[in-house]
Amino acid sequence: MIKFGNLTYQKLKEKFRIKSPWDLIIIFVLNILITIPVFIIAHQNFITLDWAHHIDRILLFLIILTAFQLLLRAMRRVTLISVILYVIMLLYGTLSGKYGFQSIFEDYRSMIYTMNDNPYPQDIIITKLLPFPNKSKIIDAVEYQNPKIRNFAIIAINKNFMDLKGYHDYSTIVQAFAVFKEINSRWNYVSDPKGHDYIAKATESIQYLSGDCDDHSIFMAACIKSIGGTMRLIHTKGHIYPELLIGSKIDLERINYAIKKDLFPTESKHKSINYHIDERGKIWLNLDYTAKYPGGPFMNEEILGALTLD
């Protein structure tokens, strides 16, 4: 018989046992929490039959709910033990001031809200599951709603490319390039403390325009998001850098011309524009601190993770 100190496996199992009907109630609540995001994904991707009173969507929800209920009940013991351990972790997080019940409630509510407004809600789940170092710290550090960050971006816009004509449809991207030019022309690389990964908030970096690659990426993303640009951060081996959403290949052709002809003609002369195409066919342009122009060379081609900052 397996023993854990003075407890046998049988006694340990009895301690963690939840009596009926509470076990079924817990499983059903967990089922609802899982079913809602899965239903949103299915609703967006399955053909709408336009039945009266949305009967097809109601049936879809009930099918998903039933399937998960049967699965969770079949794995009842593992499910309940996992829930108990998770609650203990959240209780510890709440008491220690770290990730607790309030945090998970806000994250879940935010995820459901974002998925409901996104034509590809599965991407929200995939993004959250992708490995990305210090993801929660980085998201918190991108303080794009802070007035100091927006003011910095506006000053950069008023300083660079103000007289440029002919790109009205791409005004936000041109303004993002103005921010890129201001930051990258002044950025000073400073390493983190030895043995520690220090994540500077955007409002810290604005003071001295100094830091390592993740500090630069956070600051760049915050400034461009504050003026309406769409940013994501790319994690490669030992490096993080920002990318700006450009759009389609037609958009890229127009932006490529603007960079080489009007915006960064000297810096980009006889050089290629570097970008990535995501799973939706959308083009993202490299804005690394090592780049002298938008779309400059990559430090590393391999993508280990992507964090889209919607």
Protein backbone atom coordinates (compact mmCIF):
# COMPACT_ATOMS: atom_id res chain seq x y z
CA MET A 1 0.00 0.00 0.00
CA ILE A 2 1.33 3.47 -0.91
CA LYS A 3 2.00 5.75 2.08
CA PHE A 4 2.55 9.50 2.33
CA GLY A 5 4.02 9.97 5.83
CA ASN A 6 1.35 8.63 8.18
CA LEU A 7 -1.33 8.78 5.49
CA THR A 8 -2.17 5.90 3.19
CA TYR A 9 -3.32 6.59 -0.37
CA GLN A 10 -6.83 5.53 0.63
CA LYS A 11 -6.93 8.00 3.54
CA LEU A 12 -5.50 10.77 1.38
CA LYS A 13 -8.17 10.09 -1.24
CA GLU A 14 -10.87 10.26 1.45
CA LYS A 15 -9.55 13.64 2.67
CA PHE A 16 -9.87 15.10 -0.81
CA ARG A 17 -13.23 13.49 -1.49
CA ILE A 18 -16.13 15.87 -2.08
CA LYS A 19 -19.52 14.45 -1.21
CA SER A 20 -22.49 14.49 -3.56
CA PRO A 21 -24.15 16.68 -4.75
CA TRP A 22 -21.28 19.19 -4.30
CA ASP A 23 -19.00 17.21 -6.61
CA LEU A 24 -21.57 17.46 -9.42
CA ILE A 25 -22.14 21.17 -8.73
CA ILE A 26 -18.40 21.91 -8.93
CA ILE A 27 -18.09 19.92 -12.16
CA PHE A 28 -21.07 21.73 -13.69
CA VAL A 29 -19.70 25.19 -12.78
CA LEU A 30 -16.32 24.22 -14.26
CA ASN A 31 -18.16 22.95 -17.34
CA ILE A 32 -19.92 26.31 -17.80
CA LEU A 33 -16.60 28.18 -17.54
CA ILE A 34 -15.08 25.94 -20.22
CA THR A 35 -18.15 25.80 -22.47
CA ILE A 36 -18.58 29.59 -22.85
CA PRO A 37 -15.25 30.30 -24.65
CA VAL A 38 -15.50 27.07 -26.68
CA PHE A 39 -19.03 28.03 -27.76
CA ILE A 40 -17.82 31.49 -28.87
CA ILE A 41 -15.16 29.82 -31.03
CA ALA A 42 -17.68 27.36 -32.50
CA HIS A 43 -20.27 30.10 -33.04
CA GLN A 44 -17.80 32.21 -35.04
CA ASN A 45 -16.50 29.30 -37.14
CA PHE A 46 -19.57 27.13 -37.80
CA ILE A 47 -22.07 28.05 -40.50
CA THR A 48 -25.14 29.87 -39.18
CA LEU A 49 -28.32 28.05 -40.22
CA ASP A 50 -30.60 31.02 -39.42
CA TRP A 51 -33.18 28.86 -37.67
CA ALA A 52 -36.02 30.62 -35.87
CA HIS A 53 -35.18 31.98 -32.41
CA HIS A 54 -31.52 30.98 -32.96
CA ILE A 55 -32.36 27.34 -32.24
CA ASP A 56 -29.21 26.20 -34.09
CA ARG A 57 -26.99 28.25 -31.72
CA ILE A 58 -28.89 27.00 -28.65
CA LEU A 59 -28.43 23.39 -29.81
CA LEU A 60 -24.75 24.05 -30.45
CA PHE A 61 -24.31 25.37 -26.91
CA LEU A 62 -26.18 22.39 -25.41
CA ILE A 63 -24.11 19.89 -27.42
CA ILE A 64 -20.85 21.45 -26.23
CA LEU A 65 -22.16 21.65 -22.66
CA THR A 66 -23.23 17.99 -22.68
CA ALA A 67 -19.97 16.78 -24.21
CA PHE A 68 -17.85 18.54 -21.58
CA GLN A 69 -20.17 17.41 -18.79
CA LEU A 70 -19.74 13.77 -19.79
CA LEU A 71 -15.98 14.19 -20.15
CA LEU A 72 -15.53 15.92 -16.79
CA ARG A 73 -17.72 13.37 -15.03
CA ALA A 74 -15.75 10.50 -16.57
CA MET A 75 -12.60 12.12 -15.17
CA ARG A 76 -14.33 13.15 -11.92
CA ARG A 77 -11.55 12.24 -9.50
CA VAL A 78 -8.80 13.96 -11.48
CA THR A 79 -11.07 16.95 -12.17
CA LEU A 80 -11.99 17.52 -8.52
CA ILE A 81 -8.42 17.11 -7.25
CA SER A 82 -7.22 19.57 -9.89
CA VAL A 83 -9.91 22.07 -8.88
CA ILE A 84 -8.98 21.75 -5.19
CA LEU A 85 -5.27 22.31 -5.90
CA TYR A 86 -6.09 25.26 -8.15
CA VAL A 87 -8.28 26.87 -5.48
CA ILE A 88 -5.46 26.42 -2.95
CA MET A 89 -3.03 28.14 -5.35
CA LEU A 90 -5.47 31.03 -5.91
CA LEU A 91 -6.06 31.34 -2.16
CA TYR A 92 -2.31 31.58 -1.60
CA GLY A 93 -2.04 34.13 -4.42
CA THR A 94 -4.84 36.21 -2.93
CA LEU A 95 -3.34 36.20 0.58
CA SER A 96 0.17 36.97 -0.69
CA GLY A 97 -0.99 39.78 -2.97
CA LYS A 98 -0.02 37.93 -6.15
CA TYR A 99 -2.22 36.20 -8.77
CA GLY A 100 -5.45 35.37 -6.94
CA PHE A 101 -9.23 35.15 -7.30
CA GLN A 102 -9.67 38.79 -8.34
CA SER A 103 -6.96 38.48 -11.01
CA ILE A 104 -8.40 35.34 -12.57
CA PHE A 105 -11.90 36.86 -12.56
CA GLU A 106 -10.66 39.96 -14.39
CA ASP A 107 -8.61 37.90 -16.87
CA TYR A 108 -11.54 35.59 -17.64
CA ARG A 109 -13.97 38.48 -18.07
CA SER A 110 -11.51 40.32 -20.31
CA MET A 111 -10.88 37.21 -22.41
CA ILE A 112 -14.60 36.52 -22.95
CA TYR A 113 -15.26 40.17 -23.85
CA THR A 114 -12.37 40.22 -26.34
CA MET A 115 -13.34 36.87 -27.88
CA ASN A 116 -16.92 38.04 -28.36
CA ASP A 117 -15.76 41.02 -30.45
CA ASN A 118 -13.06 39.15 -32.40
CA PRO A 119 -13.83 37.38 -35.72
CA TYR A 120 -11.15 34.80 -34.83
CA PRO A 121 -11.74 34.14 -31.11
CA GLN A 122 -9.56 31.01 -31.14
CA ASP A 123 -6.55 33.29 -31.68
CA ILE A 124 -7.16 34.80 -28.25
CA ILE A 125 -6.85 31.36 -26.64
CA ILE A 126 -3.80 30.44 -28.73
CA THR A 127 -2.07 33.70 -27.82
CA LYS A 128 -2.67 33.08 -24.13
CA LEU A 129 -1.29 29.53 -24.39
CA LEU A 130 1.82 30.41 -26.40
CA PRO A 131 4.98 30.41 -24.31
CA PHE A 132 6.18 33.94 -23.75
CA PRO A 133 8.62 35.00 -21.01
CA ASN A 134 7.20 37.34 -18.35
CA LYS A 135 3.93 37.65 -20.28
CA SER A 136 1.80 39.12 -17.48
CA LYS A 137 4.54 41.54 -16.39
CA ILE A 138 5.01 42.73 -19.97
CA ILE A 139 1.27 43.28 -20.53
CA ASP A 140 1.09 45.33 -17.32
CA ALA A 141 4.19 47.32 -18.37
CA VAL A 142 2.67 48.42 -21.71
CA GLU A 143 1.01 51.48 -20.20
CA TYR A 144 -0.42 52.86 -23.44
CA GLN A 145 -3.25 54.70 -21.66
CA ASN A 146 -0.87 56.72 -19.53
CA PRO A 147 -0.91 60.44 -20.58
CA LYS A 148 2.90 60.66 -20.41
CA ILE A 149 3.22 57.89 -23.01
CA ARG A 150 0.69 59.45 -25.37
CA ASN A 151 2.30 62.88 -24.97
CA PHE A 152 5.68 61.44 -25.92
CA ALA A 153 4.13 59.84 -29.02
CA ILE A 154 2.43 63.10 -30.04
CA ILE A 155 5.67 65.07 -29.65
CA ALA A 156 7.41 62.49 -31.88
CA ILE A 157 4.64 62.79 -34.50
CA ASN A 158 4.85 66.59 -34.50
CA LYS A 159 8.61 66.36 -34.89
CA ASN A 160 8.83 63.78 -37.71
CA PHE A 161 7.13 63.56 -41.14
CA MET A 162 4.65 66.37 -40.46
CA ASP A 163 4.94 67.70 -44.02
CA LEU A 164 4.49 64.32 -45.72
CA LYS A 165 1.63 64.25 -48.24
CA GLY A 166 -0.14 61.49 -50.15
CA TYR A 167 -0.52 58.83 -47.46
CA HIS A 168 -3.84 59.78 -45.89
CA ASP A 169 -5.05 56.14 -45.82
CA TYR A 170 -1.92 55.15 -43.89
CA SER A 171 -1.70 58.11 -41.52
CA THR A 172 -1.59 55.94 -38.37
CA ILE A 173 1.24 53.81 -39.79
CA VAL A 174 3.20 56.91 -40.84
CA GLN A 175 2.71 58.33 -37.35
CA ALA A 176 3.90 55.01 -35.88
CA PHE A 177 7.03 55.36 -38.02
CA ALA A 178 7.53 58.85 -36.57
CA VAL A 179 7.46 57.31 -33.09
CA PHE A 180 9.84 54.55 -34.25
CA LYS A 181 12.29 57.14 -35.58
CA GLU A 182 12.21 59.18 -32.37
CA ILE A 183 12.75 56.16 -30.11
CA ASN A 184 15.36 54.32 -32.16
CA SER A 185 17.43 57.42 -32.85
CA ARG A 186 17.72 58.05 -29.11
CA TRP A 187 17.58 54.59 -27.52
CA ASN A 188 20.58 53.54 -25.40
CA TYR A 189 20.97 49.82 -24.73
CA VAL A 190 21.51 49.00 -21.05
CA SER A 191 21.65 45.42 -19.76
CA ASP A 192 19.58 44.04 -16.89
CA PRO A 193 21.20 43.30 -13.51
CA LYS A 194 23.31 40.14 -13.75
CA GLY A 195 21.20 37.05 -13.16
CA HIS A 196 17.90 38.97 -13.11
CA ASP A 197 15.35 39.80 -15.82
CA TYR A 198 14.21 43.34 -15.03
CA ILE A 199 11.00 44.45 -16.78
CA ALA A 200 10.75 48.24 -16.96
CA LYS A 201 7.33 49.82 -17.33
CA ALA A 202 6.85 52.20 -20.25
CA THR A 203 6.69 55.17 -17.85
CA GLU A 204 10.13 54.20 -16.51
CA SER A 205 11.74 54.00 -19.95
CA ILE A 206 10.36 57.39 -20.99
CA GLN A 207 12.70 59.13 -18.52
CA TYR A 208 16.01 58.03 -20.04
CA LEU A 209 15.10 56.08 -23.22
CA SER A 210 17.39 53.29 -22.04
CA GLY A 211 17.10 49.59 -21.32
CA ASP A 212 17.39 46.18 -22.92
CA CYS A 213 15.36 44.60 -25.72
CA ASP A 214 12.22 43.89 -23.68
CA ASP A 215 12.24 47.42 -22.23
CA HIS A 216 12.52 48.85 -25.76
CA SER A 217 9.74 46.57 -27.05
CA ILE A 218 7.42 47.53 -24.20
CA PHE A 219 8.04 51.25 -24.67
CA MET A 220 7.67 51.09 -28.47
CA ALA A 221 4.46 49.07 -28.20
CA ALA A 222 3.00 51.43 -25.57
CA CYS A 223 3.71 54.58 -27.60
CA ILE A 224 2.34 53.19 -30.86
CA LYS A 225 -0.72 51.68 -29.20
CA SER A 226 -1.43 55.07 -27.61
CA ILE A 227 -1.98 56.55 -31.11
CA GLY A 228 -4.08 53.67 -32.46
CA GLY A 229 -1.48 51.31 -33.93
CA THR A 230 -1.69 47.53 -33.50
CA MET A 231 1.43 45.94 -32.05
CA ARG A 232 2.74 42.53 -31.14
CA LEU A 233 5.94 41.36 -29.47
CA ILE A 234 8.02 38.51 -30.88
CA HIS A 235 10.06 36.21 -28.66
CA THR A 236 13.13 34.62 -30.23
CA LYS A 237 16.11 32.91 -28.62
CA GLY A 238 17.42 35.38 -26.05
CA HIS A 239 15.63 38.35 -27.62
CA ILE A 240 12.28 40.18 -27.82
CA TYR A 241 11.33 42.77 -30.43
CA PRO A 242 8.19 44.68 -31.52
CA GLU A 243 6.26 44.39 -34.78
CA LEU A 244 3.65 46.73 -36.26
CA LEU A 245 0.58 45.47 -38.11
CA ILE A 246 0.69 46.75 -41.71
CA GLY A 247 -2.19 44.81 -43.27
CA SER A 248 -2.30 43.09 -46.67
CA LYS A 249 0.35 42.66 -49.36
CA ILE A 250 -1.17 45.62 -51.20
CA ASP A 251 -0.70 47.71 -48.05
CA LEU A 252 2.88 46.47 -47.80
CA GLU A 253 3.63 47.63 -51.36
CA ARG A 254 2.43 51.12 -50.52
CA ILE A 255 4.31 51.20 -47.20
CA ASN A 256 7.46 49.82 -48.81
CA TYR A 257 7.38 52.69 -51.31
CA ALA A 258 6.84 55.24 -48.54
CA ILE A 259 9.79 53.92 -46.52
CA LYS A 260 12.21 53.84 -49.44
CA LYS A 261 11.07 56.99 -51.24
CA ASP A 262 9.88 59.46 -48.60
CA LEU A 263 10.46 58.35 -45.01
CA PHE A 264 13.77 56.50 -44.67
CA PRO A 265 15.40 56.73 -48.13
CA THR A 266 19.00 56.86 -46.89
CA GLU A 267 18.68 54.23 -44.16
CA SER A 268 16.81 51.74 -46.41
CA LYS A 269 18.76 52.32 -49.65
CA HIS A 270 19.50 49.01 -51.43
CA LYS A 271 18.14 47.11 -48.42
CA SER A 272 15.17 44.76 -48.04
CA ILE A 273 12.05 45.24 -45.93
CA ASN A 274 11.72 42.46 -43.33
CA TYR A 275 8.32 41.30 -42.13
CA HIS A 276 6.29 38.29 -41.01
CA ILE A 277 2.96 37.00 -42.32
CA ASP A 278 0.66 35.54 -39.66
CA GLU A 279 -1.82 32.68 -39.98
CA ARG A 280 -4.48 35.13 -41.24
CA GLY A 281 -2.26 36.47 -44.01
CA LYS A 282 -1.71 39.79 -42.19
CA ILE A 283 1.72 41.42 -42.46
CA TRP A 284 3.74 42.59 -39.45
CA LEU A 285 6.76 44.85 -39.87
CA ASN A 286 9.90 44.59 -37.75
CA LEU A 287 10.54 47.60 -35.43
CA ASP A 288 13.54 46.24 -33.50
CA TYR A 289 15.89 48.62 -31.67
CA THR A 290 18.69 47.40 -33.96
CA ALA A 291 16.79 48.59 -37.06
CA LYS A 292 17.61 51.94 -38.65
CA TYR A 293 14.36 51.88 -40.63
CA PRO A 294 10.99 50.07 -40.24
CA GLY A 295 11.45 46.56 -41.60
CA GLY A 296 15.16 46.45 -40.83
CA PRO A 297 17.05 43.11 -40.54
CA PHE A 298 15.96 40.55 -37.95
CA MET A 299 18.42 39.61 -35.22
CA ASN A 300 16.94 36.11 -35.25
CA GLU A 301 14.46 34.59 -37.74
CA GLU A 302 13.12 31.87 -35.42
CA ILE A 303 9.84 32.74 -33.64
CA LEU A 304 9.36 31.02 -30.28
CA GLY A 305 6.29 32.98 -29.24
CA ALA A 306 4.12 35.96 -30.21
CA LEU A 307 2.21 38.28 -27.91
CA THR A 308 -0.42 40.39 -29.69
CA LEU A 309 -1.36 43.53 -27.75
CA ASP A 310 -5.00 44.06 -28.73
